[in-house]
Amino acid sequence: MGHKLVRAFITTSLKANVYKGNRECEIFFPQIKPEKKVIEMTDEEKAVFAILKSNSPIALNDLKVQSGLSNKKWDKTIKGLTKKDIAKVSKVDDSLIVNLL
Protein backbone atom coordinates (compact mmCIF):
# COMPACT_ATOMS: atom_id res chain seq x y z
CA MET A 1 0.00 0.00 0.00
CA GLY A 2 2.83 2.42 0.83
CA HIS A 3 4.65 2.27 -2.52
CA LYS A 4 1.41 2.95 -4.40
CA LEU A 5 0.83 6.08 -2.35
CA VAL A 6 4.38 7.33 -2.96
CA ARG A 7 4.08 6.60 -6.69
CA ALA A 8 0.77 8.49 -6.88
CA PHE A 9 2.32 11.45 -5.05
CA ILE A 10 5.33 11.58 -7.39
CA THR A 11 3.15 11.28 -10.49
CA THR A 12 0.81 14.01 -9.28
CA SER A 13 3.65 16.40 -8.42
CA LEU A 14 5.34 15.76 -11.78
CA LYS A 15 2.11 16.54 -13.62
CA ALA A 16 1.69 19.72 -11.58
CA ASN A 17 5.22 20.82 -12.50
CA VAL A 18 4.62 20.13 -16.18
CA TYR A 19 1.39 22.14 -16.10
CA LYS A 20 3.27 25.03 -14.54
CA GLY A 21 5.68 24.98 -17.47
CA ASN A 22 8.58 23.14 -15.84
CA ARG A 23 10.54 21.95 -18.89
CA GLU A 24 12.87 19.68 -16.86
CA CYS A 25 10.04 17.31 -15.98
CA GLU A 26 8.92 17.25 -19.60
CA ILE A 27 12.44 16.32 -20.75
CA PHE A 28 12.90 13.50 -18.22
CA PHE A 29 9.32 12.28 -18.38
CA PRO A 30 8.10 12.91 -21.97
CA GLN A 31 4.98 10.80 -21.47
CA ILE A 32 3.66 13.44 -19.04
CA LYS A 33 2.68 16.42 -21.17
CA PRO A 34 0.33 19.25 -20.35
CA GLU A 35 -3.14 18.96 -21.78
CA LYS A 36 -4.01 21.39 -24.54
CA LYS A 37 -6.86 23.67 -23.59
CA VAL A 38 -9.62 24.01 -26.15
CA ILE A 39 -10.76 27.60 -26.42
CA GLU A 40 -14.47 27.90 -27.06
CA MET A 41 -15.41 30.58 -29.59
CA THR A 42 -18.68 31.86 -30.97
CA ASP A 43 -19.42 31.70 -34.70
CA GLU A 44 -18.58 35.40 -35.07
CA GLU A 45 -15.26 34.94 -33.24
CA LYS A 46 -14.41 32.00 -35.50
CA ALA A 47 -15.13 34.09 -38.59
CA VAL A 48 -12.97 37.00 -37.40
CA PHE A 49 -10.25 34.54 -36.34
CA ALA A 50 -10.22 33.07 -39.87
CA ILE A 51 -9.78 36.55 -41.35
CA LEU A 52 -7.03 37.35 -38.85
CA LYS A 53 -5.28 34.06 -39.54
CA SER A 54 -4.85 34.95 -43.21
CA ASN A 55 -4.23 38.70 -42.80
CA SER A 56 -2.52 39.30 -39.45
CA PRO A 57 -1.62 42.08 -38.66
CA ILE A 58 -4.52 44.05 -40.10
CA ALA A 59 -6.05 47.45 -39.46
CA LEU A 60 -8.99 47.35 -37.08
CA ASN A 61 -11.33 49.15 -39.51
CA ASP A 62 -10.41 46.80 -42.37
CA LEU A 63 -11.06 43.78 -40.18
CA LYS A 64 -14.43 45.19 -39.13
CA VAL A 65 -15.46 45.78 -42.77
CA GLN A 66 -14.30 42.30 -43.83
CA SER A 67 -16.20 40.65 -40.99
CA GLY A 68 -19.48 42.32 -41.96
CA LEU A 69 -20.72 42.35 -38.36
CA SER A 70 -23.02 44.94 -36.83
CA ASN A 71 -21.51 47.38 -34.34
CA LYS A 72 -22.82 45.51 -31.31
CA LYS A 73 -21.69 42.08 -32.56
CA TRP A 74 -18.34 43.54 -33.63
CA ASP A 75 -17.68 45.00 -30.17
CA LYS A 76 -18.65 41.76 -28.45
CA THR A 77 -16.55 39.67 -30.84
CA ILE A 78 -13.33 41.72 -30.68
CA LYS A 79 -13.61 42.00 -26.88
CA GLY A 80 -14.06 38.23 -26.68
CA LEU A 81 -10.99 37.55 -28.82
CA THR A 82 -8.81 39.92 -26.82
CA LYS A 83 -10.10 38.58 -23.49
CA LYS A 84 -9.26 35.02 -24.57
CA ASP A 85 -5.74 36.16 -25.61
CA ILE A 86 -6.32 35.21 -29.24
CA ALA A 87 -5.91 38.70 -30.65
CA LYS A 88 -4.36 41.95 -29.50
CA VAL A 89 -5.34 45.47 -30.52
CA SER A 90 -2.48 47.96 -30.46
CA LYS A 91 -2.07 51.56 -31.54
CA VAL A 92 0.64 52.20 -34.13
CA ASP A 93 1.07 55.87 -34.99
CA ASP A 94 -2.51 57.00 -35.61
CA SER A 95 -4.09 53.66 -36.53
CA LEU A 96 -5.32 50.65 -34.56
CA ILE A 97 -3.80 47.33 -35.60
CA VAL A 98 -5.06 43.85 -34.69
CA ASN A 99 -2.46 41.11 -34.27
CA LEU A 100 -3.04 37.39 -33.87
CA LEU A 101 -1.29 36.04 -30.78
PDB file of N, CA and C in Angstrom:
ATOM      1  N   MET A   1       0.826  -1.196   0.000  1.00  0.00           N
ATOM      2  CA  MET A   1       0.000   0.000   0.000  1.00  0.00           C
ATOM      3  C   MET A   1       0.863   1.249   0.000  1.00  0.00           C
ATOM      4  N   GLY A   2       1.985   1.238   0.691  1.00  0.00           N
ATOM      5  CA  GLY A   2       2.832   2.416   0.827  1.00  0.00           C
ATOM      6  C   GLY A   2       3.465   2.845  -0.480  1.00  0.00           C
ATOM      7  N   HIS A   3       3.994   1.900  -1.268  1.00  0.00           N
ATOM      8  CA  HIS A   3       4.649   2.273  -2.516  1.00  0.00           C
ATOM      9  C   HIS A   3       3.666   2.841  -3.528  1.00  0.00           C
ATOM     10  N   LYS A   4       2.407   2.402  -3.497  1.00  0.00           N
ATOM     11  CA  LYS A   4       1.406   2.954  -4.404  1.00  0.00           C
ATOM     12  C   LYS A   4       1.104   4.403  -4.064  1.00  0.00           C
ATOM     13  N   LEU A   5       1.091   4.717  -2.780  1.00  0.00           N
ATOM     14  CA  LEU A   5       0.832   6.075  -2.345  1.00  0.00           C
ATOM     15  C   LEU A   5       1.977   6.998  -2.742  1.00  0.00           C
ATOM     16  N   VAL A   6       3.213   6.537  -2.578  1.00  0.00           N
ATOM     17  CA  VAL A   6       4.382   7.332  -2.964  1.00  0.00           C
ATOM     18  C   VAL A   6       4.389   7.542  -4.476  1.00  0.00           C
ATOM     19  N   ARG A   7       4.095   6.502  -5.236  1.00  0.00           N
ATOM     20  CA  ARG A   7       4.075   6.603  -6.689  1.00  0.00           C
ATOM     21  C   ARG A   7       3.005   7.598  -7.149  1.00  0.00           C
ATOM     22  N   ALA A   8       1.836   7.559  -6.528  1.00  0.00           N
ATOM     23  CA  ALA A   8       0.769   8.491  -6.879  1.00  0.00           C
ATOM     24  C   ALA A   8       1.180   9.925  -6.565  1.00  0.00           C
ATOM     25  N   PHE A   9       1.860  10.114  -5.428  1.00  0.00           N
ATOM     26  CA  PHE A   9       2.319  11.453  -5.049  1.00  0.00           C
ATOM     27  C   PHE A   9       3.331  11.994  -6.053  1.00  0.00           C
ATOM     28  N   ILE A  10       4.295  11.160  -6.445  1.00  0.00           N
ATOM     29  CA  ILE A  10       5.330  11.582  -7.391  1.00  0.00           C
ATOM     30  C   ILE A  10       4.696  11.904  -8.749  1.00  0.00           C
ATOM     31  N   THR A  11       3.803  11.046  -9.213  1.00  0.00           N
ATOM     32  CA  THR A  11       3.147  11.276 -10.495  1.00  0.00           C
ATOM     33  C   THR A  11       2.341  12.568 -10.467  1.00  0.00           C
ATOM     34  N   THR A  12       1.618  12.806  -9.383  1.00  0.00           N
ATOM     35  CA  THR A  12       0.809  14.014  -9.276  1.00  0.00           C
ATOM     36  C   THR A  12       1.678  15.258  -9.246  1.00  0.00           C
ATOM     37  N   SER A  13       2.786  15.214  -8.500  1.00  0.00           N
ATOM     38  CA  SER A  13       3.652  16.397  -8.423  1.00  0.00           C
ATOM     39  C   SER A  13       4.358  16.643  -9.753  1.00  0.00           C
ATOM     40  N   LEU A  14       4.717  15.583 -10.474  1.00  0.00           N
ATOM     41  CA  LEU A  14       5.342  15.762 -11.781  1.00  0.00           C
ATOM     42  C   LEU A  14       4.359  16.403 -12.758  1.00  0.00           C
ATOM     43  N   LYS A  15       3.116  15.953 -12.738  1.00  0.00           N
ATOM     44  CA  LYS A  15       2.112  16.541 -13.622  1.00  0.00           C
ATOM     45  C   LYS A  15       1.892  18.001 -13.277  1.00  0.00           C
ATOM     46  N   ALA A  16       1.881  18.323 -11.995  1.00  0.00           N
ATOM     47  CA  ALA A  16       1.691  19.716 -11.581  1.00  0.00           C
ATOM     48  C   ALA A  16       2.842  20.578 -12.078  1.00  0.00           C
ATOM     49  N   ASN A  17       4.072  20.061 -12.014  1.00  0.00           N
ATOM     50  CA  ASN A  17       5.224  20.820 -12.502  1.00  0.00           C
ATOM     51  C   ASN A  17       5.175  21.011 -14.008  1.00  0.00           C
ATOM     52  N   VAL A  18       4.719  20.014 -14.729  1.00  0.00           N
ATOM     53  CA  VAL A  18       4.622  20.134 -16.177  1.00  0.00           C
ATOM     54  C   VAL A  18       3.564  21.171 -16.536  1.00  0.00           C
ATOM     55  N   TYR A  19       2.448  21.171 -15.821  1.00  0.00           N
ATOM     56  CA  TYR A  19       1.390  22.138 -16.096  1.00  0.00           C
ATOM     57  C   TYR A  19       1.843  23.553 -15.791  1.00  0.00           C
ATOM     58  N   LYS A  20       2.750  23.709 -14.850  1.00  0.00           N
ATOM     59  CA  LYS A  20       3.274  25.034 -14.536  1.00  0.00           C
ATOM     60  C   LYS A  20       4.335  25.473 -15.534  1.00  0.00           C
ATOM     61  N   GLY A  21       4.707  24.614 -16.451  1.00  0.00           N
ATOM     62  CA  GLY A  21       5.677  24.983 -17.472  1.00  0.00           C
ATOM     63  C   GLY A  21       7.089  24.540 -17.136  1.00  0.00           C
ATOM     64  N   ASN A  22       7.262  23.614 -16.217  1.00  0.00           N
ATOM     65  CA  ASN A  22       8.583  23.138 -15.844  1.00  0.00           C
ATOM     66  C   ASN A  22       9.099  22.212 -16.944  1.00  0.00           C
ATOM     67  N   ARG A  23      10.041  22.699 -17.733  1.00  0.00           N
ATOM     68  CA  ARG A  23      10.543  21.946 -18.889  1.00  0.00           C
ATOM     69  C   ARG A  23      11.403  20.754 -18.471  1.00  0.00           C
ATOM     70  N   GLU A  24      12.018  20.794 -17.292  1.00  0.00           N
ATOM     71  CA  GLU A  24      12.868  19.675 -16.859  1.00  0.00           C
ATOM     72  C   GLU A  24      12.057  18.394 -16.721  1.00  0.00           C
ATOM     73  N   CYS A  25      10.878  18.493 -16.135  1.00  0.00           N
ATOM     74  CA  CYS A  25      10.038  17.310 -15.980  1.00  0.00           C
ATOM     75  C   CYS A  25       9.604  16.771 -17.335  1.00  0.00           C
ATOM     76  N   GLU A  26       9.353  17.669 -18.273  1.00  0.00           N
ATOM     77  CA  GLU A  26       8.924  17.246 -19.599  1.00  0.00           C
ATOM     78  C   GLU A  26      10.056  16.535 -20.335  1.00  0.00           C
ATOM     79  N   ILE A  27      11.290  16.956 -20.092  1.00  0.00           N
ATOM     80  CA  ILE A  27      12.438  16.321 -20.745  1.00  0.00           C
ATOM     81  C   ILE A  27      12.677  14.923 -20.181  1.00  0.00           C
ATOM     82  N   PHE A  28      12.630  14.788 -18.849  1.00  0.00           N
ATOM     83  CA  PHE A  28      12.903  13.501 -18.224  1.00  0.00           C
ATOM     84  C   PHE A  28      11.715  12.554 -18.257  1.00  0.00           C
ATOM     85  N   PHE A  29      10.525  13.097 -18.346  1.00  0.00           N
ATOM     86  CA  PHE A  29       9.322  12.284 -18.382  1.00  0.00           C
ATOM     87  C   PHE A  29       8.448  12.742 -19.554  1.00  0.00           C
ATOM     88  N   PRO A  30       8.826  12.394 -20.795  1.00  0.00           N
ATOM     89  CA  PRO A  30       8.097  12.911 -21.966  1.00  0.00           C
ATOM     90  C   PRO A  30       6.662  12.409 -22.066  1.00  0.00           C
ATOM     91  N   GLN A  31       6.351  11.313 -21.393  1.00  0.00           N
ATOM     92  CA  GLN A  31       4.983  10.804 -21.471  1.00  0.00           C
ATOM     93  C   GLN A  31       4.007  11.684 -20.696  1.00  0.00           C
ATOM     94  N   ILE A  32       4.521  12.536 -19.804  1.00  0.00           N
ATOM     95  CA  ILE A  32       3.664  13.439 -19.041  1.00  0.00           C
ATOM     96  C   ILE A  32       3.738  14.808 -19.700  1.00  0.00           C
ATOM     97  N   LYS A  33       2.720  15.132 -20.476  1.00  0.00           N
ATOM     98  CA  LYS A  33       2.681  16.419 -21.168  1.00  0.00           C
ATOM     99  C   LYS A  33       1.438  17.179 -20.743  1.00  0.00           C
ATOM    100  N   PRO A  34       1.524  18.492 -20.725  1.00  0.00           N
ATOM    101  CA  PRO A  34       0.331  19.253 -20.347  1.00  0.00           C
ATOM    102  C   PRO A  34      -0.774  19.084 -21.375  1.00  0.00           C
ATOM    103  N   GLU A  35      -1.998  19.090 -20.880  1.00  0.00           N
ATOM    104  CA  GLU A  35      -3.138  18.961 -21.780  1.00  0.00           C
ATOM    105  C   GLU A  35      -3.354  20.277 -22.508  1.00  0.00           C
ATOM    106  N   LYS A  36      -3.721  20.185 -23.774  1.00  0.00           N
ATOM    107  CA  LYS A  36      -4.012  21.388 -24.544  1.00  0.00           C
ATOM    108  C   LYS A  36      -5.424  21.839 -24.210  1.00  0.00           C
ATOM    109  N   LYS A  37      -5.554  23.122 -23.912  1.00  0.00           N
ATOM    110  CA  LYS A  37      -6.863  23.666 -23.593  1.00  0.00           C
ATOM    111  C   LYS A  37      -7.573  24.052 -24.892  1.00  0.00           C
ATOM    112  N   VAL A  38      -8.803  23.656 -24.996  1.00  0.00           N
ATOM    113  CA  VAL A  38      -9.618  24.007 -26.148  1.00  0.00           C
ATOM    114  C   VAL A  38     -10.339  25.307 -25.818  1.00  0.00           C
ATOM    115  N   ILE A  39     -10.124  26.317 -26.636  1.00  0.00           N
ATOM    116  CA  ILE A  39     -10.759  27.603 -26.419  1.00  0.00           C
ATOM    117  C   ILE A  39     -12.077  27.628 -27.177  1.00  0.00           C
ATOM    118  N   GLU A  40     -13.155  27.849 -26.436  1.00  0.00           N
ATOM    119  CA  GLU A  40     -14.465  27.903 -27.063  1.00  0.00           C
ATOM    120  C   GLU A  40     -14.686  29.286 -27.655  1.00  0.00           C
ATOM    121  N   MET A  41     -15.146  29.319 -28.906  1.00  0.00           N
ATOM    122  CA  MET A  41     -15.406  30.578 -29.586  1.00  0.00           C
ATOM    123  C   MET A  41     -16.796  30.552 -30.200  1.00  0.00           C
ATOM    124  N   THR A  42     -17.390  31.734 -30.295  1.00  0.00           N
ATOM    125  CA  THR A  42     -18.683  31.864 -30.973  1.00  0.00           C
ATOM    126  C   THR A  42     -18.449  31.808 -32.484  1.00  0.00           C
ATOM    127  N   ASP A  43     -19.524  31.732 -33.234  1.00  0.00           N
ATOM    128  CA  ASP A  43     -19.416  31.696 -34.699  1.00  0.00           C
ATOM    129  C   ASP A  43     -18.783  32.977 -35.235  1.00  0.00           C
ATOM    130  N   GLU A  44     -19.148  34.125 -34.639  1.00  0.00           N
ATOM    131  CA  GLU A  44     -18.578  35.404 -35.073  1.00  0.00           C
ATOM    132  C   GLU A  44     -17.076  35.450 -34.782  1.00  0.00           C
ATOM    133  N   GLU A  45     -16.686  34.959 -33.598  1.00  0.00           N
ATOM    134  CA  GLU A  45     -15.264  34.938 -33.242  1.00  0.00           C
ATOM    135  C   GLU A  45     -14.477  34.025 -34.185  1.00  0.00           C
ATOM    136  N   LYS A  46     -15.074  32.912 -34.555  1.00  0.00           N
ATOM    137  CA  LYS A  46     -14.409  31.996 -35.498  1.00  0.00           C
ATOM    138  C   LYS A  46     -14.219  32.655 -36.856  1.00  0.00           C
ATOM    139  N   ALA A  47     -15.225  33.411 -37.292  1.00  0.00           N
ATOM    140  CA  ALA A  47     -15.130  34.091 -38.591  1.00  0.00           C
ATOM    141  C   ALA A  47     -14.043  35.160 -38.574  1.00  0.00           C
ATOM    142  N   VAL A  48     -14.000  35.958 -37.510  1.00  0.00           N
ATOM    143  CA  VAL A  48     -12.969  36.999 -37.396  1.00  0.00           C
ATOM    144  C   VAL A  48     -11.593  36.358 -37.238  1.00  0.00           C
ATOM    145  N   PHE A  49     -11.517  35.256 -36.497  1.00  0.00           N
ATOM    146  CA  PHE A  49     -10.250  34.539 -36.336  1.00  0.00           C
ATOM    147  C   PHE A  49      -9.732  34.049 -37.686  1.00  0.00           C
ATOM    148  N   ALA A  50     -10.622  33.545 -38.537  1.00  0.00           N
ATOM    149  CA  ALA A  50     -10.217  33.071 -39.867  1.00  0.00           C
ATOM    150  C   ALA A  50      -9.660  34.214 -40.707  1.00  0.00           C
ATOM    151  N   ILE A  51     -10.287  35.382 -40.620  1.00  0.00           N
ATOM    152  CA  ILE A  51      -9.778  36.554 -41.347  1.00  0.00           C
ATOM    153  C   ILE A  51      -8.419  36.963 -40.808  1.00  0.00           C
ATOM    154  N   LEU A  52      -8.298  36.981 -39.479  1.00  0.00           N
ATOM    155  CA  LEU A  52      -7.025  37.354 -38.848  1.00  0.00           C
ATOM    156  C   LEU A  52      -5.910  36.366 -39.199  1.00  0.00           C
ATOM    157  N   LYS A  53      -6.274  35.097 -39.259  1.00  0.00           N
ATOM    158  CA  LYS A  53      -5.280  34.057 -39.540  1.00  0.00           C
ATOM    159  C   LYS A  53      -4.628  34.272 -40.903  1.00  0.00           C
ATOM    160  N   SER A  54      -5.398  34.748 -41.867  1.00  0.00           N
ATOM    161  CA  SER A  54      -4.849  34.946 -43.206  1.00  0.00           C
ATOM    162  C   SER A  54      -4.282  36.348 -43.424  1.00  0.00           C
ATOM    163  N   ASN A  55      -4.653  37.322 -42.573  1.00  0.00           N
ATOM    164  CA  ASN A  55      -4.225  38.704 -42.805  1.00  0.00           C
ATOM    165  C   ASN A  55      -3.610  39.385 -41.594  1.00  0.00           C
ATOM    166  N   SER A  56      -3.055  38.664 -40.657  1.00  0.00           N
ATOM    167  CA  SER A  56      -2.520  39.300 -39.449  1.00  0.00           C
ATOM    168  C   SER A  56      -1.128  39.856 -39.712  1.00  0.00           C
ATOM    169  N   PRO A  57      -0.804  41.042 -39.283  1.00  0.00           N
ATOM    170  CA  PRO A  57      -1.623  42.076 -38.664  1.00  0.00           C
ATOM    171  C   PRO A  57      -2.466  42.814 -39.695  1.00  0.00           C
ATOM    172  N   ILE A  58      -3.580  43.354 -39.222  1.00  0.00           N
ATOM    173  CA  ILE A  58      -4.523  44.048 -40.095  1.00  0.00           C
ATOM    174  C   ILE A  58      -5.092  45.246 -39.338  1.00  0.00           C
ATOM    175  N   ALA A  59      -5.446  46.273 -40.071  1.00  0.00           N
ATOM    176  CA  ALA A  59      -6.046  47.455 -39.461  1.00  0.00           C
ATOM    177  C   ALA A  59      -7.418  47.083 -38.896  1.00  0.00           C
ATOM    178  N   LEU A  60      -7.737  47.655 -37.758  1.00  0.00           N
ATOM    179  CA  LEU A  60      -8.987  47.346 -37.080  1.00  0.00           C
ATOM    180  C   LEU A  60     -10.202  47.643 -37.960  1.00  0.00           C
ATOM    181  N   ASN A  61     -10.201  48.790 -38.633  1.00  0.00           N
ATOM    182  CA  ASN A  61     -11.327  49.145 -39.507  1.00  0.00           C
ATOM    183  C   ASN A  61     -11.473  48.185 -40.671  1.00  0.00           C
ATOM    184  N   ASP A  62     -10.357  47.765 -41.258  1.00  0.00           N
ATOM    185  CA  ASP A  62     -10.407  46.805 -42.369  1.00  0.00           C
ATOM    186  C   ASP A  62     -10.979  45.463 -41.907  1.00  0.00           C
ATOM    187  N   LEU A  63     -10.562  45.036 -40.729  1.00  0.00           N
ATOM    188  CA  LEU A  63     -11.064  43.776 -40.179  1.00  0.00           C
ATOM    189  C   LEU A  63     -12.567  43.860 -39.917  1.00  0.00           C
ATOM    190  N   LYS A  64     -13.003  44.999 -39.408  1.00  0.00           N
ATOM    191  CA  LYS A  64     -14.432  45.187 -39.133  1.00  0.00           C
ATOM    192  C   LYS A  64     -15.243  45.136 -40.426  1.00  0.00           C
ATOM    193  N   VAL A  65     -14.756  45.785 -41.472  1.00  0.00           N
ATOM    194  CA  VAL A  65     -15.457  45.780 -42.767  1.00  0.00           C
ATOM    195  C   VAL A  65     -15.493  44.370 -43.343  1.00  0.00           C
ATOM    196  N   GLN A  66     -14.359  43.662 -43.284  1.00  0.00           N
ATOM    197  CA  GLN A  66     -14.301  42.304 -43.833  1.00  0.00           C
ATOM    198  C   GLN A  66     -15.206  41.341 -43.076  1.00  0.00           C
ATOM    199  N   SER A  67     -15.365  41.559 -41.774  1.00  0.00           N
ATOM    200  CA  SER A  67     -16.204  40.651 -40.987  1.00  0.00           C
ATOM    201  C   SER A  67     -17.685  40.835 -41.305  1.00  0.00           C
ATOM    202  N   GLY A  68     -18.094  42.062 -41.635  1.00  0.00           N
ATOM    203  CA  GLY A  68     -19.484  42.321 -41.961  1.00  0.00           C
ATOM    204  C   GLY A  68     -20.430  42.259 -40.780  1.00  0.00           C
ATOM    205  N   LEU A  69     -19.899  42.428 -39.568  1.00  0.00           N
ATOM    206  CA  LEU A  69     -20.725  42.347 -38.364  1.00  0.00           C
ATOM    207  C   LEU A  69     -21.318  43.711 -38.011  1.00  0.00           C
ATOM    208  N   SER A  70     -22.438  43.690 -37.317  1.00  0.00           N
ATOM    209  CA  SER A  70     -23.024  44.939 -36.829  1.00  0.00           C
ATOM    210  C   SER A  70     -22.130  45.490 -35.715  1.00  0.00           C
ATOM    211  N   ASN A  71     -22.350  46.750 -35.364  1.00  0.00           N
ATOM    212  CA  ASN A  71     -21.506  47.379 -34.345  1.00  0.00           C
ATOM    213  C   ASN A  71     -21.525  46.619 -33.023  1.00  0.00           C
ATOM    214  N   LYS A  72     -22.701  46.212 -32.582  1.00  0.00           N
ATOM    215  CA  LYS A  72     -22.824  45.508 -31.311  1.00  0.00           C
ATOM    216  C   LYS A  72     -22.115  44.151 -31.356  1.00  0.00           C
ATOM    217  N   LYS A  73     -22.353  43.389 -32.430  1.00  0.00           N
ATOM    218  CA  LYS A  73     -21.693  42.081 -32.560  1.00  0.00           C
ATOM    219  C   LYS A  73     -20.184  42.247 -32.719  1.00  0.00           C
ATOM    220  N   TRP A  74     -19.768  43.284 -33.437  1.00  0.00           N
ATOM    221  CA  TRP A  74     -18.342  43.537 -33.626  1.00  0.00           C
ATOM    222  C   TRP A  74     -17.666  43.801 -32.291  1.00  0.00           C
ATOM    223  N   ASP A  75     -18.252  44.686 -31.478  1.00  0.00           N
ATOM    224  CA  ASP A  75     -17.679  44.998 -30.170  1.00  0.00           C
ATOM    225  C   ASP A  75     -17.571  43.751 -29.298  1.00  0.00           C
ATOM    226  N   LYS A  76     -18.633  42.974 -29.266  1.00  0.00           N
ATOM    227  CA  LYS A  76     -18.647  41.760 -28.452  1.00  0.00           C
ATOM    228  C   LYS A  76     -17.606  40.757 -28.947  1.00  0.00           C
ATOM    229  N   THR A  77     -17.478  40.631 -30.255  1.00  0.00           N
ATOM    230  CA  THR A  77     -16.546  39.669 -30.844  1.00  0.00           C
ATOM    231  C   THR A  77     -15.095  40.052 -30.588  1.00  0.00           C
ATOM    232  N   ILE A  78     -14.734  41.314 -30.841  1.00  0.00           N
ATOM    233  CA  ILE A  78     -13.331  41.717 -30.680  1.00  0.00           C
ATOM    234  C   ILE A  78     -12.943  41.716 -29.203  1.00  0.00           C
ATOM    235  N   LYS A  79     -13.877  42.066 -28.325  1.00  0.00           N
ATOM    236  CA  LYS A  79     -13.606  41.996 -26.885  1.00  0.00           C
ATOM    237  C   LYS A  79     -13.412  40.551 -26.445  1.00  0.00           C
ATOM    238  N   GLY A  80     -14.205  39.645 -27.008  1.00  0.00           N
ATOM    239  CA  GLY A  80     -14.064  38.226 -26.675  1.00  0.00           C
ATOM    240  C   GLY A  80     -12.722  37.666 -27.112  1.00  0.00           C
ATOM    241  N   LEU A  81     -12.285  38.040 -28.321  1.00  0.00           N
ATOM    242  CA  LEU A  81     -10.995  37.545 -28.824  1.00  0.00           C
ATOM    243  C   LEU A  81      -9.818  38.092 -28.012  1.00  0.00           C
ATOM    244  N   THR A  82      -9.898  39.353 -27.614  1.00  0.00           N
ATOM    245  CA  THR A  82      -8.807  39.924 -26.816  1.00  0.00           C
ATOM    246  C   THR A  82      -8.823  39.375 -25.394  1.00  0.00           C
ATOM    247  N   LYS A  83      -9.994  39.125 -24.847  1.00  0.00           N
ATOM    248  CA  LYS A  83     -10.098  38.579 -23.492  1.00  0.00           C
ATOM    249  C   LYS A  83      -9.550  37.155 -23.436  1.00  0.00           C
ATOM    250  N   LYS A  84      -9.738  36.404 -24.502  1.00  0.00           N
ATOM    251  CA  LYS A  84      -9.256  35.019 -24.566  1.00  0.00           C
ATOM    252  C   LYS A  84      -7.804  34.932 -25.027  1.00  0.00           C
ATOM    253  N   ASP A  85      -7.150  36.077 -25.164  1.00  0.00           N
ATOM    254  CA  ASP A  85      -5.738  36.157 -25.606  1.00  0.00           C
ATOM    255  C   ASP A  85      -5.514  35.508 -26.972  1.00  0.00           C
ATOM    256  N   ILE A  86      -6.457  35.696 -27.875  1.00  0.00           N
ATOM    257  CA  ILE A  86      -6.322  35.206 -29.241  1.00  0.00           C
ATOM    258  C   ILE A  86      -5.823  36.328 -30.137  1.00  0.00           C
ATOM    259  N   ALA A  87      -6.290  37.535 -29.854  1.00  0.00           N
ATOM    260  CA  ALA A  87      -5.905  38.699 -30.646  1.00  0.00           C
ATOM    261  C   ALA A  87      -5.531  39.842 -29.713  1.00  0.00           C
ATOM    262  N   LYS A  88      -4.766  40.782 -30.261  1.00  0.00           N
ATOM    263  CA  LYS A  88      -4.361  41.954 -29.496  1.00  0.00           C
ATOM    264  C   LYS A  88      -4.520  43.183 -30.372  1.00  0.00           C
ATOM    265  N   VAL A  89      -5.169  44.204 -29.811  1.00  0.00           N
ATOM    266  CA  VAL A  89      -5.335  45.467 -30.516  1.00  0.00           C
ATOM    267  C   VAL A  89      -4.289  46.431 -29.978  1.00  0.00           C
ATOM    268  N   SER A  90      -3.514  47.011 -30.888  1.00  0.00           N
ATOM    269  CA  SER A  90      -2.484  47.960 -30.465  1.00  0.00           C
ATOM    270  C   SER A  90      -2.520  49.188 -31.362  1.00  0.00           C
ATOM    271  N   LYS A  91      -2.068  50.302 -30.792  1.00  0.00           N
ATOM    272  CA  LYS A  91      -2.073  51.558 -31.540  1.00  0.00           C
ATOM    273  C   LYS A  91      -0.681  51.791 -32.114  1.00  0.00           C
ATOM    274  N   VAL A  92      -0.611  51.917 -33.429  1.00  0.00           N
ATOM    275  CA  VAL A  92       0.643  52.200 -34.126  1.00  0.00           C
ATOM    276  C   VAL A  92       0.444  53.515 -34.862  1.00  0.00           C
ATOM    277  N   ASP A  93       1.232  54.502 -34.469  1.00  0.00           N
ATOM    278  CA  ASP A  93       1.072  55.865 -34.992  1.00  0.00           C
ATOM    279  C   ASP A  93      -0.365  56.334 -34.734  1.00  0.00           C
ATOM    280  N   ASP A  94      -1.150  56.540 -35.774  1.00  0.00           N
ATOM    281  CA  ASP A  94      -2.512  57.003 -35.612  1.00  0.00           C
ATOM    282  C   ASP A  94      -3.553  55.932 -35.909  1.00  0.00           C
ATOM    283  N   SER A  95      -3.127  54.713 -36.171  1.00  0.00           N
ATOM    284  CA  SER A  95      -4.087  53.659 -36.535  1.00  0.00           C
ATOM    285  C   SER A  95      -4.071  52.528 -35.520  1.00  0.00           C
ATOM    286  N   LEU A  96      -5.193  51.826 -35.435  1.00  0.00           N
ATOM    287  CA  LEU A  96      -5.322  50.652 -34.562  1.00  0.00           C
ATOM    288  C   LEU A  96      -5.085  49.402 -35.382  1.00  0.00           C
ATOM    289  N   ILE A  97      -4.198  48.549 -34.899  1.00  0.00           N
ATOM    290  CA  ILE A  97      -3.804  47.327 -35.597  1.00  0.00           C
ATOM    291  C   ILE A  97      -4.192  46.123 -34.733  1.00  0.00           C
ATOM    292  N   VAL A  98      -4.706  45.083 -35.376  1.00  0.00           N
ATOM    293  CA  VAL A  98      -5.064  43.846 -34.685  1.00  0.00           C
ATOM    294  C   VAL A  98      -4.050  42.770 -35.068  1.00  0.00           C
ATOM    295  N   ASN A  99      -3.440  42.171 -34.060  1.00  0.00           N
ATOM    296  CA  ASN A  99      -2.461  41.106 -34.271  1.00  0.00           C
ATOM    297  C   ASN A  99      -3.001  39.804 -33.708  1.00  0.00           C
ATOM    298  N   LEU A 100      -2.692  38.723 -34.370  1.00  0.00           N
ATOM    299  CA  LEU A 100      -3.038  37.387 -33.866  1.00  0.00           C
ATOM    300  C   LEU A 100      -1.933  36.946 -32.937  1.00  0.00           C
ATOM    301  N   LEU A 101      -2.305  36.480 -31.743  1.00  0.00           N
ATOM    302  CA  LEU A 101      -1.288  36.043 -30.775  1.00  0.00           C
ATOM    303  C   LEU A 101      -0.980  34.582 -30.913  1.00  0.00           C
TER     304      LEU A 101
END
